[in-house]
């Protein structure tokens, strides 16, 4: 059931809080709504430990009228001494269960309709992963792209800690998620209530063109979603992962990268005042 939203409330978003870092944890504790009816989208990479993810989301849920979460790669990591040793789909499903217990919406729940300022829009939290189709420069296959990354020393920790069980590979898991999500988006599509598409990884490759290490792009998304922002009625796209917060427009659709990132990153560029960013919607 979608709650009634005050007309002055705003839809906000943040990602990549990485509260395992003490200074980031302090920042996450300081996030607060500008209006009691504000909703907060949390686009992944809250933390690596399940207990830290749940605690952070619970505290945000105490302050914001609604909290909508999608997983990032860090939530899906399984370390050898993890208190929750679940891997792959089982780990994701455990996180979903924990979020539901504290009233936080997930990709597995009904997608709520935002009727505050800029609405109505349907907030669609997605979990899509990546399939290595954003290949490294001069390569065209996963094997070539991974070999390039290993030669340069730029290899995502996912290769060691993000397990795809029961799927045989991360790209198989990604493609299964993409297929089921596309069906759901098509079934719920309504031009009068366009989507706000929320995914940890960018839906198009273009944002990865500014990466300092272009070979990292292969862990950043899939070409299978390249047209989703025009294929489905879309008011805005929200993502994180790149740790390059910025606003862009592709094919007339606003794309918002809303990450905090690691302390060394936000200290270098300066901390934004509007960390819980207002999602750009009609009339805003």
Protein backbone atom coordinates (compact mmCIF):
# COMPACT_ATOMS: atom_id res chain seq x y z
CA UNK A 1 0.00 0.00 0.00
CA UNK A 2 1.38 3.42 -0.99
CA UNK A 3 1.11 6.04 1.77
CA UNK A 4 -0.41 9.49 1.23
CA UNK A 5 2.31 12.09 0.60
CA UNK A 6 2.14 15.77 1.52
CA UNK A 7 2.34 17.99 -1.58
CA UNK A 8 5.37 19.86 -0.19
CA UNK A 9 7.42 16.73 0.53
CA UNK A 10 10.41 15.85 -1.66
CA UNK A 11 11.83 12.63 -3.08
CA UNK A 12 15.50 12.41 -2.11
CA UNK A 13 18.33 9.99 -2.87
CA UNK A 14 21.79 9.00 -1.67
CA UNK A 15 24.11 6.05 -2.22
CA UNK A 16 27.50 4.60 -1.31
CA UNK A 17 27.38 5.62 2.35
CA UNK A 18 30.04 3.01 3.23
CA UNK A 19 29.41 3.37 6.94
CA UNK A 20 32.26 1.00 7.78
CA UNK A 21 34.30 4.22 7.66
CA UNK A 22 33.77 6.15 10.89
CA UNK A 23 33.49 9.56 9.23
CA UNK A 24 30.94 8.21 6.76
CA UNK A 25 28.96 6.73 9.61
CA UNK A 26 28.80 10.17 11.23
CA UNK A 27 27.54 11.66 7.97
CA UNK A 28 24.88 8.96 7.59
CA UNK A 29 23.70 9.73 11.12
CA UNK A 30 23.31 13.38 10.15
CA UNK A 31 21.05 12.80 7.15
CA UNK A 32 17.62 14.21 7.79
CA UNK A 33 14.55 15.24 5.77
CA UNK A 34 13.73 18.83 4.96
CA UNK A 35 10.04 17.97 5.37
CA UNK A 36 8.46 15.26 7.54
CA UNK A 37 6.99 13.64 4.42
CA UNK A 38 10.28 13.31 2.50
CA UNK A 39 11.17 9.88 1.13
CA UNK A 40 14.76 8.66 0.85
CA UNK A 41 16.12 6.38 -1.87
CA UNK A 42 19.30 4.55 -0.78
CA UNK A 43 20.95 3.25 -3.96
CA UNK A 44 23.27 0.63 -2.54
CA UNK A 45 26.64 0.18 -0.81
CA UNK A 46 25.45 1.10 2.65
CA UNK A 47 27.98 -1.28 4.20
CA UNK A 48 29.51 -4.74 3.90
CA UNK A 49 28.23 -6.26 7.16
CA UNK A 50 24.54 -7.09 7.29
CA UNK A 51 24.25 -5.68 10.80
CA UNK A 52 25.66 -2.31 9.64
CA UNK A 53 23.32 -2.21 6.65
CA UNK A 54 20.26 -2.93 8.79
CA UNK A 55 21.24 -0.54 11.58
CA UNK A 56 21.86 2.33 9.16
CA UNK A 57 18.64 1.79 7.21
CA UNK A 58 16.64 1.46 10.43
CA UNK A 59 17.95 4.80 11.70
CA UNK A 60 17.17 6.46 8.37
CA UNK A 61 13.69 4.93 8.45
CA UNK A 62 13.14 6.60 11.84
CA UNK A 63 13.69 10.01 10.22
CA UNK A 64 12.27 9.71 6.70
CA UNK A 65 8.65 8.90 5.87
CA UNK A 66 9.77 6.08 3.56
CA UNK A 67 13.16 4.50 2.80
CA UNK A 68 13.66 2.56 -0.44
CA UNK A 69 16.82 0.44 -0.75
CA UNK A 70 18.57 -1.38 -3.56
CA UNK A 71 21.69 -3.50 -3.00
CA UNK A 72 25.13 -2.56 -4.21
CA UNK A 73 28.05 -4.90 -4.67
CA UNK A 74 29.41 -4.30 -1.14
CA UNK A 75 26.24 -5.59 0.55
CA UNK A 76 26.66 -8.80 -1.46
CA UNK A 77 30.27 -9.47 -0.45
CA UNK A 78 30.88 -12.53 1.73
CA UNK A 79 34.09 -12.45 3.75
CA UNK A 80 35.58 -15.56 5.36
CA UNK A 81 34.85 -14.31 8.91
CA UNK A 82 31.45 -12.80 8.11
CA UNK A 83 28.83 -13.29 10.85
CA UNK A 84 26.35 -13.88 8.03
CA UNK A 85 28.21 -16.36 5.79
CA UNK A 86 25.43 -16.51 3.20
CA UNK A 87 26.45 -16.15 -0.43
CA UNK A 88 24.81 -15.05 -3.65
CA UNK A 89 21.03 -15.17 -3.90
CA UNK A 90 20.68 -16.42 -0.31
CA UNK A 91 22.54 -13.36 0.97
CA UNK A 92 20.40 -11.02 -1.10
CA UNK A 93 17.20 -12.67 0.08
CA UNK A 94 18.37 -12.40 3.70
CA UNK A 95 18.97 -8.67 3.24
CA UNK A 96 15.50 -8.27 1.73
CA UNK A 97 13.98 -10.06 4.72
CA UNK A 98 15.89 -7.86 7.17
CA UNK A 99 14.80 -4.70 5.35
CA UNK A 100 11.16 -5.74 5.36
CA UNK A 101 11.35 -6.33 9.11
CA UNK A 102 12.25 -2.65 9.67
CA UNK A 103 9.83 -1.22 7.12
CA UNK A 104 12.34 -0.50 4.34
CA UNK A 105 11.20 -1.14 0.77
CA UNK A 106 13.27 -3.38 -1.53
CA UNK A 107 13.30 -4.44 -5.20
CA UNK A 108 11.12 -7.43 -4.25
CA UNK A 109 8.26 -5.32 -2.87
CA UNK A 110 5.46 -3.47 -4.69
CA UNK A 111 6.84 -0.32 -6.29
CA UNK A 112 5.34 2.71 -4.52
CA UNK A 113 3.90 5.77 -6.23
CA UNK A 114 5.33 9.10 -5.11
CA UNK A 115 2.65 11.81 -5.07
CA UNK A 116 4.64 14.63 -3.45
CA UNK A 117 6.30 17.48 -5.35
CA UNK A 118 6.99 16.51 -8.95
CA UNK A 119 4.73 13.46 -8.78
CA UNK A 120 3.06 11.23 -9.48
CA UNK A 121 5.93 8.88 -10.34
CA UNK A 122 6.44 5.21 -9.57
CA UNK A 123 9.69 4.54 -7.74
CA UNK A 124 11.12 1.31 -9.14
CA UNK A 125 14.03 -0.06 -7.08
CA UNK A 126 15.99 -2.45 -9.29
CA UNK A 127 18.68 -5.05 -8.67
CA UNK A 128 20.45 -5.85 -11.93
CA UNK A 129 24.19 -6.45 -11.35
CA UNK A 130 26.57 -6.42 -14.37
CA UNK A 131 27.65 -8.81 -17.10
CA UNK A 132 31.09 -7.54 -18.26
CA UNK A 133 29.67 -6.04 -21.47
CA UNK A 134 31.19 -2.63 -20.60
CA UNK A 135 34.49 -4.03 -21.80
CA UNK A 136 37.92 -2.45 -21.25
CA UNK A 137 39.52 -0.32 -23.98
CA UNK A 138 40.54 -2.33 -27.04
CA UNK A 139 38.71 -5.48 -25.92
CA UNK A 140 35.43 -7.08 -26.97
CA UNK A 141 34.97 -10.12 -24.72
CA UNK A 142 34.86 -10.77 -20.98
CA UNK A 143 38.07 -12.82 -21.07
CA UNK A 144 39.95 -10.09 -22.93
CA UNK A 145 38.57 -7.39 -20.68
CA UNK A 146 39.44 -9.22 -17.46
CA UNK A 147 42.93 -9.98 -18.76
CA UNK A 148 43.41 -6.26 -19.47
CA UNK A 149 42.30 -5.40 -15.93
CA UNK A 150 44.64 -7.93 -14.35
CA UNK A 151 47.55 -6.58 -16.42
CA UNK A 152 46.87 -3.04 -15.20
CA UNK A 153 46.19 -4.12 -11.62
CA UNK A 154 42.69 -2.58 -11.59
CA UNK A 155 40.53 -5.51 -10.50
CA UNK A 156 37.26 -5.17 -8.58
CA UNK A 157 37.12 -6.98 -5.23
CA UNK A 158 33.88 -8.55 -6.48
CA UNK A 159 36.03 -11.10 -8.29
CA UNK A 160 36.90 -12.57 -4.88
CA UNK A 161 33.97 -11.73 -2.61
CA UNK A 162 30.74 -11.44 -4.66
CA UNK A 163 29.56 -14.99 -5.17
CA UNK A 164 26.71 -15.78 -7.61
CA UNK A 165 25.34 -19.03 -6.14
CA UNK A 166 23.22 -20.81 -7.28
CA UNK A 167 24.07 -19.21 -10.64
CA UNK A 168 27.23 -20.31 -12.37
CA UNK A 169 28.52 -16.75 -12.82
CA UNK A 170 27.76 -13.15 -11.97
CA UNK A 171 26.74 -12.48 -15.57
CA UNK A 172 24.19 -15.33 -15.46
CA UNK A 173 22.71 -13.84 -12.31
CA UNK A 174 22.66 -10.42 -13.97
CA UNK A 175 20.87 -11.65 -17.07
CA UNK A 176 18.25 -13.47 -15.02
CA UNK A 177 17.58 -10.28 -13.03
CA UNK A 178 17.44 -8.17 -16.19
CA UNK A 179 14.94 -10.51 -17.86
CA UNK A 180 12.54 -10.70 -14.90
CA UNK A 181 12.80 -6.95 -14.21
CA UNK A 182 12.12 -5.99 -17.83
CA UNK A 183 8.93 -8.07 -17.71
CA UNK A 184 7.83 -6.32 -14.54
CA UNK A 185 8.60 -2.86 -15.93
CA UNK A 186 6.60 -3.61 -19.07
CA UNK A 187 3.66 -4.94 -17.06
CA UNK A 188 3.48 -1.88 -14.77
CA UNK A 189 4.29 0.79 -17.38
CA UNK A 190 1.94 3.79 -17.33
CA UNK A 191 2.78 6.99 -19.27
CA UNK A 192 0.72 8.96 -16.73
CA UNK A 193 2.86 7.69 -13.86
CA UNK A 194 6.42 7.41 -15.22
CA UNK A 195 9.16 5.53 -13.42
CA UNK A 196 12.02 6.74 -11.31
CA UNK A 197 14.41 3.89 -12.10
CA UNK A 198 16.79 3.18 -9.20
CA UNK A 199 19.77 0.86 -9.56
CA UNK A 200 23.16 0.78 -7.86
CA UNK A 201 24.94 0.36 -11.19
CA UNK A 202 24.33 2.87 -14.02
CA UNK A 203 21.82 1.73 -16.63
CA UNK A 204 23.88 3.13 -19.52
CA UNK A 205 27.59 3.04 -20.20
CA UNK A 206 28.05 6.76 -20.82
CA UNK A 207 28.64 7.72 -17.16
CA UNK A 208 31.60 5.33 -17.03
CA UNK A 209 33.43 7.31 -19.72
CA UNK A 210 34.74 9.65 -17.01
CA UNK A 211 36.28 6.88 -14.88
CA UNK A 212 39.97 7.45 -14.15
CA UNK A 213 40.51 3.73 -14.75
CA UNK A 214 38.30 2.83 -17.74
CA UNK A 215 38.87 -0.89 -17.24
CA UNK A 216 36.74 -0.69 -14.07
CA UNK A 217 33.66 -0.13 -16.26
CA UNK A 218 33.22 -3.88 -16.77
CA UNK A 219 31.95 -4.11 -13.16
CA UNK A 220 29.55 -1.19 -13.67
CA UNK A 221 26.52 -2.42 -15.59
CA UNK A 222 25.19 -4.14 -18.68
CA UNK A 223 24.43 -3.13 -22.25
CA UNK A 224 21.10 -4.93 -21.85
CA UNK A 225 19.64 -1.87 -20.06
CA UNK A 226 20.99 0.76 -22.47
CA UNK A 227 17.54 1.74 -23.76
CA UNK A 228 15.44 1.26 -20.63
CA UNK A 229 15.14 5.00 -19.90
CA UNK A 230 13.44 5.47 -23.31
CA UNK A 231 11.87 2.02 -23.68
CA UNK A 232 9.85 2.52 -20.50
CA UNK A 233 8.18 5.80 -19.43
CA UNK A 234 10.87 7.32 -17.21
CA UNK A 235 10.98 10.60 -15.31
CA UNK A 236 14.48 10.12 -13.84
CA UNK A 237 17.21 7.55 -13.23
CA UNK A 238 19.06 7.30 -9.91
CA UNK A 239 22.30 5.35 -9.48
CA UNK A 240 25.59 5.26 -7.58
CA UNK A 241 28.64 2.95 -7.61
CA UNK A 242 30.98 5.23 -9.57
CA UNK A 243 31.67 7.61 -6.67
CA UNK A 244 31.40 10.47 -9.16
CA UNK A 245 28.32 12.40 -7.99
CA UNK A 246 26.85 14.48 -10.79
CA UNK A 247 23.74 15.29 -12.78
CA UNK A 248 23.51 14.45 -16.48
CA UNK A 249 20.75 14.14 -19.07
CA UNK A 250 20.58 11.36 -21.66
CA UNK A 251 17.85 11.37 -24.32
CA UNK A 252 16.02 14.02 -22.32
CA UNK A 253 15.96 11.94 -19.10
CA UNK A 254 17.76 13.20 -15.95
CA UNK A 255 20.36 10.80 -14.55
CA UNK A 256 21.51 11.41 -10.97
CA UNK A 257 24.64 9.81 -9.52
CA UNK A 258 24.07 10.30 -5.77
CA UNK A 259 27.05 8.67 -4.04
CA UNK A 260 28.90 9.85 -0.96
CA UNK A 261 31.93 7.62 -1.57
CA UNK A 262 34.99 7.02 0.56
CA UNK A 263 36.35 9.73 2.90
CA UNK A 264 39.43 10.28 0.74
CA UNK A 265 37.11 11.02 -2.20
CA UNK A 266 34.59 13.38 -0.61
CA UNK A 267 37.35 15.23 1.25
CA UNK A 268 39.10 15.90 -2.05
CA UNK A 269 36.05 17.23 -3.85
CA UNK A 270 34.28 18.71 -0.81
CA UNK A 271 31.14 17.46 0.88
CA UNK A 272 27.88 18.49 -0.77
CA UNK A 273 25.34 20.30 1.39
CA UNK A 274 22.53 18.47 -0.39
CA UNK A 275 23.88 14.98 0.19
CA UNK A 276 20.34 13.58 0.32
CA UNK A 277 19.75 14.92 -3.18
CA UNK A 278 16.36 15.96 -4.47
CA UNK A 279 15.47 13.75 -7.43
CA UNK A 280 14.72 16.04 -10.42
CA UNK A 281 11.08 15.60 -11.37
CA UNK A 282 8.56 17.65 -13.31
CA UNK A 283 8.39 21.22 -12.05
CA UNK A 284 11.48 20.91 -9.83
